[in-house]
Amino acid sequence: AVRQVRAQGVDLRLILAGAPDADSPAAIPQATLTAWAAEPGIE
């Protein structure tokens, strides 16, 4: 959704907070979070 909004030219910045929960199979892996943070407007 954030990528779609940014592709429309809207200056939307995303701040992600929190660490992955190692005990949760649904947790977003740290490598994925790191890759997302490398995208423009994502921290």
PDB file of all heavy atoms in Angstrom:
ATOM      1  N   ALA A   1       0.833  -1.206   0.000  1.00  0.00           N
ATOM      2  CA  ALA A   1       0.000   0.000   0.000  1.00  0.00           C
ATOM      3  C   ALA A   1       0.868   1.256   0.000  1.00  0.00           C
ATOM      4  O   ALA A   1       0.594   2.203  -0.746  1.00  0.00           O
ATOM      5  CB  ALA A   1      -0.929  -0.007   1.214  1.00  0.00           C
ATOM      6  N   VAL A   2       1.905   1.278   0.797  1.00  0.00           N
ATOM      7  CA  VAL A   2       2.796   2.441   0.851  1.00  0.00           C
ATOM      8  C   VAL A   2       3.472   2.642  -0.500  1.00  0.00           C
ATOM      9  O   VAL A   2       3.576   3.769  -0.989  1.00  0.00           O
ATOM     10  CB  VAL A   2       3.829   2.278   1.983  1.00  0.00           C
ATOM     11  CG1 VAL A   2       4.925   3.333   1.893  1.00  0.00           C
ATOM     12  CG2 VAL A   2       3.134   2.341   3.336  1.00  0.00           C
ATOM     13  N   ARG A   3       3.914   1.569  -1.099  1.00  0.00           N
ATOM     14  CA  ARG A   3       4.543   1.676  -2.426  1.00  0.00           C
ATOM     15  C   ARG A   3       3.560   2.249  -3.445  1.00  0.00           C
ATOM     16  O   ARG A   3       3.942   3.076  -4.279  1.00  0.00           O
ATOM     17  CB  ARG A   3       5.041   0.302  -2.880  1.00  0.00           C
ATOM     18  CG  ARG A   3       6.275  -0.171  -2.129  1.00  0.00           C
ATOM     19  CD  ARG A   3       6.652  -1.571  -2.550  1.00  0.00           C
ATOM     20  NE  ARG A   3       7.806  -2.050  -1.815  1.00  0.00           N
ATOM     21  CZ  ARG A   3       7.923  -3.269  -1.321  1.00  0.00           C
ATOM     22  NH1 ARG A   3       6.959  -4.167  -1.477  1.00  0.00           N
ATOM     23  NH2 ARG A   3       9.019  -3.618  -0.675  1.00  0.00           N
ATOM     24  N   GLN A   4       2.299   1.824  -3.391  1.00  0.00           N
ATOM     25  CA  GLN A   4       1.287   2.348  -4.322  1.00  0.00           C
ATOM     26  C   GLN A   4       1.085   3.845  -4.122  1.00  0.00           C
ATOM     27  O   GLN A   4       0.998   4.604  -5.087  1.00  0.00           O
ATOM     28  CB  GLN A   4      -0.045   1.610  -4.138  1.00  0.00           C
ATOM     29  CG  GLN A   4      -0.050   0.201  -4.686  1.00  0.00           C
ATOM     30  CD  GLN A   4      -1.389  -0.500  -4.447  1.00  0.00           C
ATOM     31  OE1 GLN A   4      -2.442   0.139  -4.484  1.00  0.00           O
ATOM     32  NE2 GLN A   4      -1.337  -1.795  -4.201  1.00  0.00           N
ATOM     33  N   VAL A   5       0.990   4.270  -2.870  1.00  0.00           N
ATOM     34  CA  VAL A   5       0.768   5.688  -2.579  1.00  0.00           C
ATOM     35  C   VAL A   5       1.967   6.514  -3.054  1.00  0.00           C
ATOM     36  O   VAL A   5       1.809   7.562  -3.681  1.00  0.00           O
ATOM     37  CB  VAL A   5       0.502   5.905  -1.070  1.00  0.00           C
ATOM     38  CG1 VAL A   5       0.451   7.386  -0.730  1.00  0.00           C
ATOM     39  CG2 VAL A   5      -0.795   5.216  -0.652  1.00  0.00           C
ATOM     40  N   ARG A   6       3.164   6.039  -2.772  1.00  0.00           N
ATOM     41  CA  ARG A   6       4.366   6.761  -3.200  1.00  0.00           C
ATOM     42  C   ARG A   6       4.467   6.796  -4.723  1.00  0.00           C
ATOM     43  O   ARG A   6       4.906   7.800  -5.298  1.00  0.00           O
ATOM     44  CB  ARG A   6       5.610   6.141  -2.570  1.00  0.00           C
ATOM     45  CG  ARG A   6       5.681   6.429  -1.056  1.00  0.00           C
ATOM     46  CD  ARG A   6       6.955   5.925  -0.404  1.00  0.00           C
ATOM     47  NE  ARG A   6       8.147   6.504  -0.972  1.00  0.00           N
ATOM     48  CZ  ARG A   6       8.637   7.701  -0.689  1.00  0.00           C
ATOM     49  NH1 ARG A   6       8.003   8.482   0.172  1.00  0.00           N
ATOM     50  NH2 ARG A   6       9.752   8.143  -1.252  1.00  0.00           N
ATOM     51  N   ALA A   7       4.031   5.732  -5.402  1.00  0.00           N
ATOM     52  CA  ALA A   7       4.057   5.694  -6.872  1.00  0.00           C
ATOM     53  C   ALA A   7       3.107   6.732  -7.473  1.00  0.00           C
ATOM     54  O   ALA A   7       3.311   7.170  -8.611  1.00  0.00           O
ATOM     55  CB  ALA A   7       3.703   4.293  -7.368  1.00  0.00           C
ATOM     56  N   GLN A   8       2.086   7.135  -6.696  1.00  0.00           N
ATOM     57  CA  GLN A   8       1.151   8.173  -7.139  1.00  0.00           C
ATOM     58  C   GLN A   8       1.728   9.571  -6.942  1.00  0.00           C
ATOM     59  O   GLN A   8       1.074  10.564  -7.241  1.00  0.00           O
ATOM     60  CB  GLN A   8      -0.169   8.070  -6.365  1.00  0.00           C
ATOM     61  CG  GLN A   8      -0.932   6.786  -6.569  1.00  0.00           C
ATOM     62  CD  GLN A   8      -2.070   6.626  -5.563  1.00  0.00           C
ATOM     63  OE1 GLN A   8      -2.423   7.544  -4.832  1.00  0.00           O
ATOM     64  NE2 GLN A   8      -2.640   5.436  -5.517  1.00  0.00           N
ATOM     65  N   GLY A   9       2.927   9.645  -6.386  1.00  0.00           N
ATOM     66  CA  GLY A   9       3.568  10.932  -6.174  1.00  0.00           C
ATOM     67  C   GLY A   9       3.282  11.567  -4.830  1.00  0.00           C
ATOM     68  O   GLY A   9       3.669  12.706  -4.582  1.00  0.00           O
ATOM     69  N   VAL A  10       2.626  10.843  -3.939  1.00  0.00           N
ATOM     70  CA  VAL A  10       2.326  11.356  -2.608  1.00  0.00           C
ATOM     71  C   VAL A  10       3.562  11.157  -1.727  1.00  0.00           C
ATOM     72  O   VAL A  10       4.128  10.064  -1.679  1.00  0.00           O
ATOM     73  CB  VAL A  10       1.109  10.626  -1.989  1.00  0.00           C
ATOM     74  CG1 VAL A  10       0.846  11.113  -0.569  1.00  0.00           C
ATOM     75  CG2 VAL A  10      -0.128  10.804  -2.861  1.00  0.00           C
ATOM     76  N   ASP A  11       3.967  12.213  -1.043  1.00  0.00           N
ATOM     77  CA  ASP A  11       5.149  12.146  -0.187  1.00  0.00           C
ATOM     78  C   ASP A  11       4.773  11.505   1.151  1.00  0.00           C
ATOM     79  O   ASP A  11       4.663  12.172   2.177  1.00  0.00           O
ATOM     80  CB  ASP A  11       5.742  13.541   0.035  1.00  0.00           C
ATOM     81  CG  ASP A  11       7.015  13.495   0.877  1.00  0.00           C
ATOM     82  OD1 ASP A  11       7.678  12.436   0.923  1.00  0.00           O
ATOM     83  OD2 ASP A  11       7.337  14.516   1.502  1.00  0.00           O
ATOM     84  N   LEU A  12       4.580  10.211   1.120  1.00  0.00           N
ATOM     85  CA  LEU A  12       4.244   9.445   2.311  1.00  0.00           C
ATOM     86  C   LEU A  12       5.508   8.754   2.796  1.00  0.00           C
ATOM     87  O   LEU A  12       6.176   8.060   2.036  1.00  0.00           O
ATOM     88  CB  LEU A  12       3.164   8.403   1.981  1.00  0.00           C
ATOM     89  CG  LEU A  12       2.701   7.541   3.147  1.00  0.00           C
ATOM     90  CD1 LEU A  12       1.908   8.371   4.142  1.00  0.00           C
ATOM     91  CD2 LEU A  12       1.839   6.393   2.633  1.00  0.00           C
ATOM     92  N   ARG A  13       5.834   8.994   4.053  1.00  0.00           N
ATOM     93  CA  ARG A  13       6.996   8.339   4.653  1.00  0.00           C
ATOM     94  C   ARG A  13       6.502   7.367   5.709  1.00  0.00           C
ATOM     95  O   ARG A  13       5.547   7.658   6.428  1.00  0.00           O
ATOM     96  CB  ARG A  13       7.939   9.379   5.243  1.00  0.00           C
ATOM     97  CG  ARG A  13       8.679  10.124   4.119  1.00  0.00           C
ATOM     98  CD  ARG A  13       9.406  11.346   4.592  1.00  0.00           C
ATOM     99  NE  ARG A  13       8.412  12.430   4.631  1.00  0.00           N
ATOM    100  CZ  ARG A  13       8.365  13.361   5.564  1.00  0.00           C
ATOM    101  NH1 ARG A  13       9.231  13.373   6.531  1.00  0.00           N
ATOM    102  NH2 ARG A  13       7.448  14.301   5.530  1.00  0.00           N
ATOM    103  N   LEU A  14       7.157   6.234   5.783  1.00  0.00           N
ATOM    104  CA  LEU A  14       6.744   5.172   6.695  1.00  0.00           C
ATOM    105  C   LEU A  14       7.830   4.942   7.733  1.00  0.00           C
ATOM    106  O   LEU A  14       8.997   4.766   7.399  1.00  0.00           O
ATOM    107  CB  LEU A  14       6.493   3.874   5.920  1.00  0.00           C
ATOM    108  CG  LEU A  14       6.107   2.642   6.740  1.00  0.00           C
ATOM    109  CD1 LEU A  14       4.750   2.836   7.415  1.00  0.00           C
ATOM    110  CD2 LEU A  14       6.071   1.411   5.839  1.00  0.00           C
ATOM    111  N   ILE A  15       7.404   4.957   9.004  1.00  0.00           N
ATOM    112  CA  ILE A  15       8.300   4.619  10.105  1.00  0.00           C
ATOM    113  C   ILE A  15       7.828   3.280  10.650  1.00  0.00           C
ATOM    114  O   ILE A  15       6.696   3.163  11.122  1.00  0.00           O
ATOM    115  CB  ILE A  15       8.251   5.681  11.227  1.00  0.00           C
ATOM    116  CG1 ILE A  15       8.654   7.056  10.705  1.00  0.00           C
ATOM    117  CG2 ILE A  15       9.142   5.257  12.391  1.00  0.00           C
ATOM    118  CD1 ILE A  15       8.407   8.180  11.707  1.00  0.00           C
ATOM    119  N   LEU A  16       8.681   2.282  10.577  1.00  0.00           N
ATOM    120  CA  LEU A  16       8.386   0.967  11.135  1.00  0.00           C
ATOM    121  C   LEU A  16       9.030   0.881  12.505  1.00  0.00           C
ATOM    122  O   LEU A  16      10.208   1.212  12.658  1.00  0.00           O
ATOM    123  CB  LEU A  16       8.943  -0.140  10.239  1.00  0.00           C
ATOM    124  CG  LEU A  16       8.386  -0.207   8.822  1.00  0.00           C
ATOM    125  CD1 LEU A  16       9.244  -1.121   7.952  1.00  0.00           C
ATOM    126  CD2 LEU A  16       6.950  -0.698   8.855  1.00  0.00           C
ATOM    127  N   ALA A  17       8.275   0.450  13.500  1.00  0.00           N
ATOM    128  CA  ALA A  17       8.815   0.347  14.855  1.00  0.00           C
ATOM    129  C   ALA A  17       8.584  -1.056  15.380  1.00  0.00           C
ATOM    130  O   ALA A  17       7.522  -1.646  15.170  1.00  0.00           O
ATOM    131  CB  ALA A  17       8.143   1.369  15.765  1.00  0.00           C
ATOM    132  N   GLY A  18       9.587  -1.592  16.049  1.00  0.00           N
ATOM    133  CA  GLY A  18       9.477  -2.906  16.659  1.00  0.00           C
ATOM    134  C   GLY A  18      10.472  -3.880  16.073  1.00  0.00           C
ATOM    135  O   GLY A  18      10.934  -3.720  14.946  1.00  0.00           O
ATOM    136  N   ALA A  19      10.794  -4.856  16.878  1.00  0.00           N
ATOM    137  CA  ALA A  19      11.720  -5.910  16.460  1.00  0.00           C
ATOM    138  C   ALA A  19      10.927  -7.159  16.121  1.00  0.00           C
ATOM    139  O   ALA A  19       9.836  -7.371  16.661  1.00  0.00           O
ATOM    140  CB  ALA A  19      12.701  -6.201  17.581  1.00  0.00           C
ATOM    141  N   PRO A  20      11.452  -8.000  15.234  1.00  0.00           N
ATOM    142  CA  PRO A  20      10.750  -9.250  14.915  1.00  0.00           C
ATOM    143  C   PRO A  20      10.600 -10.130  16.159  1.00  0.00           C
ATOM    144  O   PRO A  20      11.502 -10.183  16.998  1.00  0.00           O
ATOM    145  CB  PRO A  20      11.662  -9.925  13.890  1.00  0.00           C
ATOM    146  CG  PRO A  20      12.549  -8.854  13.371  1.00  0.00           C
ATOM    147  CD  PRO A  20      12.679  -7.848  14.470  1.00  0.00           C
ATOM    148  N   ASP A  21       9.473 -10.797  16.253  1.00  0.00           N
ATOM    149  CA  ASP A  21       9.207 -11.716  17.354  1.00  0.00           C
ATOM    150  C   ASP A  21       9.685 -13.101  16.942  1.00  0.00           C
ATOM    151  O   ASP A  21       9.057 -13.762  16.112  1.00  0.00           O
ATOM    152  CB  ASP A  21       7.708 -11.727  17.658  1.00  0.00           C
ATOM    153  CG  ASP A  21       7.325 -12.643  18.801  1.00  0.00           C
ATOM    154  OD1 ASP A  21       8.192 -13.372  19.322  1.00  0.00           O
ATOM    155  OD2 ASP A  21       6.139 -12.628  19.177  1.00  0.00           O
ATOM    156  N   ALA A  22      10.792 -13.536  17.521  1.00  0.00           N
ATOM    157  CA  ALA A  22      11.403 -14.818  17.144  1.00  0.00           C
ATOM    158  C   ALA A  22      10.478 -15.999  17.406  1.00  0.00           C
ATOM    159  O   ALA A  22      10.613 -17.053  16.765  1.00  0.00           O
ATOM    160  CB  ALA A  22      12.722 -15.006  17.892  1.00  0.00           C
ATOM    161  N   ASP A  23       9.522 -15.844  18.319  1.00  0.00           N
ATOM    162  CA  ASP A  23       8.610 -16.942  18.653  1.00  0.00           C
ATOM    163  C   ASP A  23       7.376 -16.999  17.759  1.00  0.00           C
ATOM    164  O   ASP A  23       6.575 -17.919  17.875  1.00  0.00           O
ATOM    165  CB  ASP A  23       8.164 -16.819  20.115  1.00  0.00           C
ATOM    166  CG  ASP A  23       9.319 -16.977  21.082  1.00  0.00           C
ATOM    167  OD1 ASP A  23      10.282 -17.702  20.755  1.00  0.00           O
ATOM    168  OD2 ASP A  23       9.263 -16.363  22.165  1.00  0.00           O
ATOM    169  N   SER A  24       7.209 -16.021  16.885  1.00  0.00           N
ATOM    170  CA  SER A  24       6.014 -15.967  16.041  1.00  0.00           C
ATOM    171  C   SER A  24       6.340 -16.369  14.606  1.00  0.00           C
ATOM    172  O   SER A  24       7.172 -15.735  13.953  1.00  0.00           O
ATOM    173  CB  SER A  24       5.418 -14.564  16.040  1.00  0.00           C
ATOM    174  OG  SER A  24       4.369 -14.477  15.099  1.00  0.00           O
ATOM    175  N   PRO A  25       5.648 -17.387  14.100  1.00  0.00           N
ATOM    176  CA  PRO A  25       5.868 -17.772  12.706  1.00  0.00           C
ATOM    177  C   PRO A  25       5.368 -16.705  11.721  1.00  0.00           C
ATOM    178  O   PRO A  25       5.764 -16.692  10.563  1.00  0.00           O
ATOM    179  CB  PRO A  25       5.082 -19.071  12.554  1.00  0.00           C
ATOM    180  CG  PRO A  25       4.093 -19.075  13.666  1.00  0.00           C
ATOM    181  CD  PRO A  25       4.682 -18.240  14.771  1.00  0.00           C
ATOM    182  N   ALA A  26       4.526 -15.794  12.182  1.00  0.00           N
ATOM    183  CA  ALA A  26       3.990 -14.737  11.315  1.00  0.00           C
ATOM    184  C   ALA A  26       4.860 -13.479  11.328  1.00  0.00           C
ATOM    185  O   ALA A  26       4.565 -12.528  10.608  1.00  0.00           O
ATOM    186  CB  ALA A  26       2.569 -14.387  11.747  1.00  0.00           C
ATOM    187  N   ALA A  27       5.917 -13.475  12.129  1.00  0.00           N
ATOM    188  CA  ALA A  27       6.769 -12.284  12.235  1.00  0.00           C
ATOM    189  C   ALA A  27       7.478 -12.006  10.919  1.00  0.00           C
ATOM    190  O   ALA A  27       7.860 -12.920  10.192  1.00  0.00           O
ATOM    191  CB  ALA A  27       7.798 -12.476  13.347  1.00  0.00           C
ATOM    192  N   ILE A  28       7.645 -10.735  10.632  1.00  0.00           N
ATOM    193  CA  ILE A  28       8.397 -10.325   9.435  1.00  0.00           C
ATOM    194  C   ILE A  28       9.876 -10.487   9.756  1.00  0.00           C
ATOM    195  O   ILE A  28      10.360  -9.936  10.748  1.00  0.00           O
ATOM    196  CB  ILE A  28       8.064  -8.868   9.063  1.00  0.00           C
ATOM    197  CG1 ILE A  28       6.565  -8.742   8.758  1.00  0.00           C
ATOM    198  CG2 ILE A  28       8.914  -8.397   7.888  1.00  0.00           C
ATOM    199  CD1 ILE A  28       6.067  -7.315   8.662  1.00  0.00           C
ATOM    200  N   PRO A  29      10.607 -11.232   8.940  1.00  0.00           N
ATOM    201  CA  PRO A  29      12.028 -11.468   9.230  1.00  0.00           C
ATOM    202  C   PRO A  29      12.847 -10.172   9.198  1.00  0.00           C
ATOM    203  O   PRO A  29      12.538  -9.233   8.460  1.00  0.00           O
ATOM    204  CB  PRO A  29      12.482 -12.396   8.107  1.00  0.00           C
ATOM    205  CG  PRO A  29      11.237 -12.947   7.509  1.00  0.00           C
ATOM    206  CD  PRO A  29      10.148 -11.940   7.754  1.00  0.00           C
ATOM    207  N   GLN A  30      13.890 -10.142   9.996  1.00  0.00           N
ATOM    208  CA  GLN A  30      14.758  -8.968  10.077  1.00  0.00           C
ATOM    209  C   GLN A  30      15.332  -8.611   8.711  1.00  0.00           C
ATOM    210  O   GLN A  30      15.435  -7.427   8.365  1.00  0.00           O
ATOM    211  CB  GLN A  30      15.887  -9.202  11.081  1.00  0.00           C
ATOM    212  CG  GLN A  30      16.752  -7.973  11.249  1.00  0.00           C
ATOM    213  CD  GLN A  30      17.634  -8.047  12.472  1.00  0.00           C
ATOM    214  OE1 GLN A  30      17.344  -8.766  13.422  1.00  0.00           O
ATOM    215  NE2 GLN A  30      18.699  -7.264  12.460  1.00  0.00           N
ATOM    216  N   ALA A  31      15.691  -9.601   7.902  1.00  0.00           N
ATOM    217  CA  ALA A  31      16.249  -9.326   6.571  1.00  0.00           C
ATOM    218  C   ALA A  31      15.242  -8.567   5.702  1.00  0.00           C
ATOM    219  O   ALA A  31      15.618  -7.663   4.944  1.00  0.00           O
ATOM    220  CB  ALA A  31      16.670 -10.624   5.894  1.00  0.00           C
ATOM    221  N   THR A  32      13.970  -8.907   5.829  1.00  0.00           N
ATOM    222  CA  THR A  32      12.922  -8.214   5.065  1.00  0.00           C
ATOM    223  C   THR A  32      12.782  -6.777   5.550  1.00  0.00           C
ATOM    224  O   THR A  32      12.697  -5.842   4.738  1.00  0.00           O
ATOM    225  CB  THR A  32      11.580  -8.962   5.190  1.00  0.00           C
ATOM    226  OG1 THR A  32      11.745 -10.292   4.704  1.00  0.00           O
ATOM    227  CG2 THR A  32      10.477  -8.256   4.417  1.00  0.00           C
ATOM    228  N   LEU A  33      12.781  -6.583   6.855  1.00  0.00           N
ATOM    229  CA  LEU A  33      12.677  -5.231   7.412  1.00  0.00           C
ATOM    230  C   LEU A  33      13.863  -4.372   6.984  1.00  0.00           C
ATOM    231  O   LEU A  33      13.700  -3.201   6.630  1.00  0.00           O
ATOM    232  CB  LEU A  33      12.580  -5.298   8.934  1.00  0.00           C
ATOM    233  CG  LEU A  33      11.275  -5.889   9.473  1.00  0.00           C
ATOM    234  CD1 LEU A  33      11.427  -6.266  10.947  1.00  0.00           C
ATOM    235  CD2 LEU A  33      10.125  -4.927   9.276  1.00  0.00           C
ATOM    236  N   THR A  34      15.041  -4.967   6.983  1.00  0.00           N
ATOM    237  CA  THR A  34      16.239  -4.248   6.554  1.00  0.00           C
ATOM    238  C   THR A  34      16.137  -3.849   5.086  1.00  0.00           C
ATOM    239  O   THR A  34      16.483  -2.724   4.706  1.00  0.00           O
ATOM    240  CB  THR A  34      17.499  -5.109   6.801  1.00  0.00           C
ATOM    241  OG1 THR A  34      17.563  -5.417   8.204  1.00  0.00           O
ATOM    242  CG2 THR A  34      18.762  -4.391   6.377  1.00  0.00           C
ATOM    243  N   ALA A  35      15.639  -4.755   4.250  1.00  0.00           N
ATOM    244  CA  ALA A  35      15.469  -4.457   2.821  1.00  0.00           C
ATOM    245  C   ALA A  35      14.439  -3.348   2.618  1.00  0.00           C
ATOM    246  O   ALA A  35      14.637  -2.436   1.805  1.00  0.00           O
ATOM    247  CB  ALA A  35      15.060  -5.713   2.061  1.00  0.00           C
ATOM    248  N   TRP A  36      13.352  -3.393   3.353  1.00  0.00           N
ATOM    249  CA  TRP A  36      12.336  -2.342   3.248  1.00  0.00           C
ATOM    250  C   TRP A  36      12.923  -0.987   3.643  1.00  0.00           C
ATOM    251  O   TRP A  36      12.650   0.025   2.998  1.00  0.00           O
ATOM    252  CB  TRP A  36      11.134  -2.644   4.134  1.00  0.00           C
ATOM    253  CG  TRP A  36      10.256  -3.766   3.653  1.00  0.00           C
ATOM    254  CD1 TRP A  36      10.277  -4.372   2.428  1.00  0.00           C
ATOM    255  CD2 TRP A  36       9.223  -4.400   4.397  1.00  0.00           C
ATOM    256  NE1 TRP A  36       9.317  -5.352   2.369  1.00  0.00           N
ATOM    257  CE2 TRP A  36       8.654  -5.393   3.567  1.00  0.00           C
ATOM    258  CE3 TRP A  36       8.734  -4.249   5.684  1.00  0.00           C
ATOM    259  CZ2 TRP A  36       7.606  -6.212   3.988  1.00  0.00           C
ATOM    260  CZ3 TRP A  36       7.692  -5.057   6.101  1.00  0.00           C
ATOM    261  CH2 TRP A  36       7.136  -6.025   5.260  1.00  0.00           C
ATOM    262  N   ALA A  37      13.725  -0.978   4.709  1.00  0.00           N
ATOM    263  CA  ALA A  37      14.299   0.269   5.201  1.00  0.00           C
ATOM    264  C   ALA A  37      15.272   0.889   4.197  1.00  0.00           C
ATOM    265  O   ALA A  37      15.563   2.086   4.286  1.00  0.00           O
ATOM    266  CB  ALA A  37      14.991   0.039   6.542  1.00  0.00           C
ATOM    267  N   ALA A  38      15.735   0.111   3.252  1.00  0.00           N
ATOM    268  CA  ALA A  38      16.632   0.636   2.215  1.00  0.00           C
ATOM    269  C   ALA A  38      15.854   1.371   1.122  1.00  0.00           C
ATOM    270  O   ALA A  38      16.448   2.076   0.304  1.00  0.00           O
ATOM    271  CB  ALA A  38      17.452  -0.500   1.611  1.00  0.00           C
ATOM    272  N   GLU A  39      14.540   1.228   1.097  1.00  0.00           N
ATOM    273  CA  GLU A  39      13.712   1.898   0.094  1.00  0.00           C
ATOM    274  C   GLU A  39      13.520   3.364   0.478  1.00  0.00           C
ATOM    275  O   GLU A  39      13.499   3.706   1.662  1.00  0.00           O
ATOM    276  CB  GLU A  39      12.342   1.212  -0.020  1.00  0.00           C
ATOM    277  CG  GLU A  39      12.415  -0.204  -0.548  1.00  0.00           C
ATOM    278  CD  GLU A  39      11.041  -0.826  -0.743  1.00  0.00           C
ATOM    279  OE1 GLU A  39      10.077  -0.082  -1.040  1.00  0.00           O
ATOM    280  OE2 GLU A  39      10.944  -2.062  -0.607  1.00  0.00           O
ATOM    281  N   PRO A  40      13.349   4.230  -0.517  1.00  0.00           N
ATOM    282  CA  PRO A  40      13.127   5.652  -0.226  1.00  0.00           C
ATOM    283  C   PRO A  40      11.866   5.856   0.624  1.00  0.00           C
ATOM    284  O   PRO A  40      10.832   5.244   0.384  1.00  0.00           O
ATOM    285  CB  PRO A  40      12.935   6.280  -1.606  1.00  0.00           C
ATOM    286  CG  PRO A  40      13.486   5.296  -2.576  1.00  0.00           C
ATOM    287  CD  PRO A  40      13.361   3.940  -1.948  1.00  0.00           C
ATOM    288  N   GLY A  41      11.986   6.719   1.628  1.00  0.00           N
ATOM    289  CA  GLY A  41      10.831   7.065   2.448  1.00  0.00           C
ATOM    290  C   GLY A  41      10.479   6.057   3.521  1.00  0.00           C
ATOM    291  O   GLY A  41       9.472   6.223   4.209  1.00  0.00           O
ATOM    292  N   ILE A  42      11.300   5.012   3.699  1.00  0.00           N
ATOM    293  CA  ILE A  42      11.016   3.980   4.697  1.00  0.00           C
ATOM    294  C   ILE A  42      12.124   3.993   5.747  1.00  0.00           C
ATOM    295  O   ILE A  42      13.302   3.991   5.416  1.00  0.00           O
ATOM    296  CB  ILE A  42      10.942   2.570   4.067  1.00  0.00           C
ATOM    297  CG1 ILE A  42      10.055   2.550   2.822  1.00  0.00           C
ATOM    298  CG2 ILE A  42      10.505   1.540   5.108  1.00  0.00           C
ATOM    299  CD1 ILE A  42       8.612   2.877   3.046  1.00  0.00           C
ATOM    300  N   GLU A  43      11.734   3.998   7.014  1.00  0.00           N
ATOM    301  CA  GLU A  43      12.701   3.959   8.105  1.00  0.00           C
ATOM    302  C   GLU A  43      12.269   2.876   9.086  1.00  0.00           C
ATOM    303  O   GLU A  43      11.120   2.833   9.498  1.00  0.00           O
ATOM    304  CB  GLU A  43      12.742   5.316   8.805  1.00  0.00           C
ATOM    305  CG  GLU A  43      13.702   5.384   9.962  1.00  0.00           C
ATOM    306  CD  GLU A  43      13.695   6.740  10.664  1.00  0.00           C
ATOM    307  OE1 GLU A  43      12.916   7.637  10.258  1.00  0.00           O
ATOM    308  OE2 GLU A  43      14.449   6.891  11.626  1.00  0.00           O
TER     309      GLU A  43
END
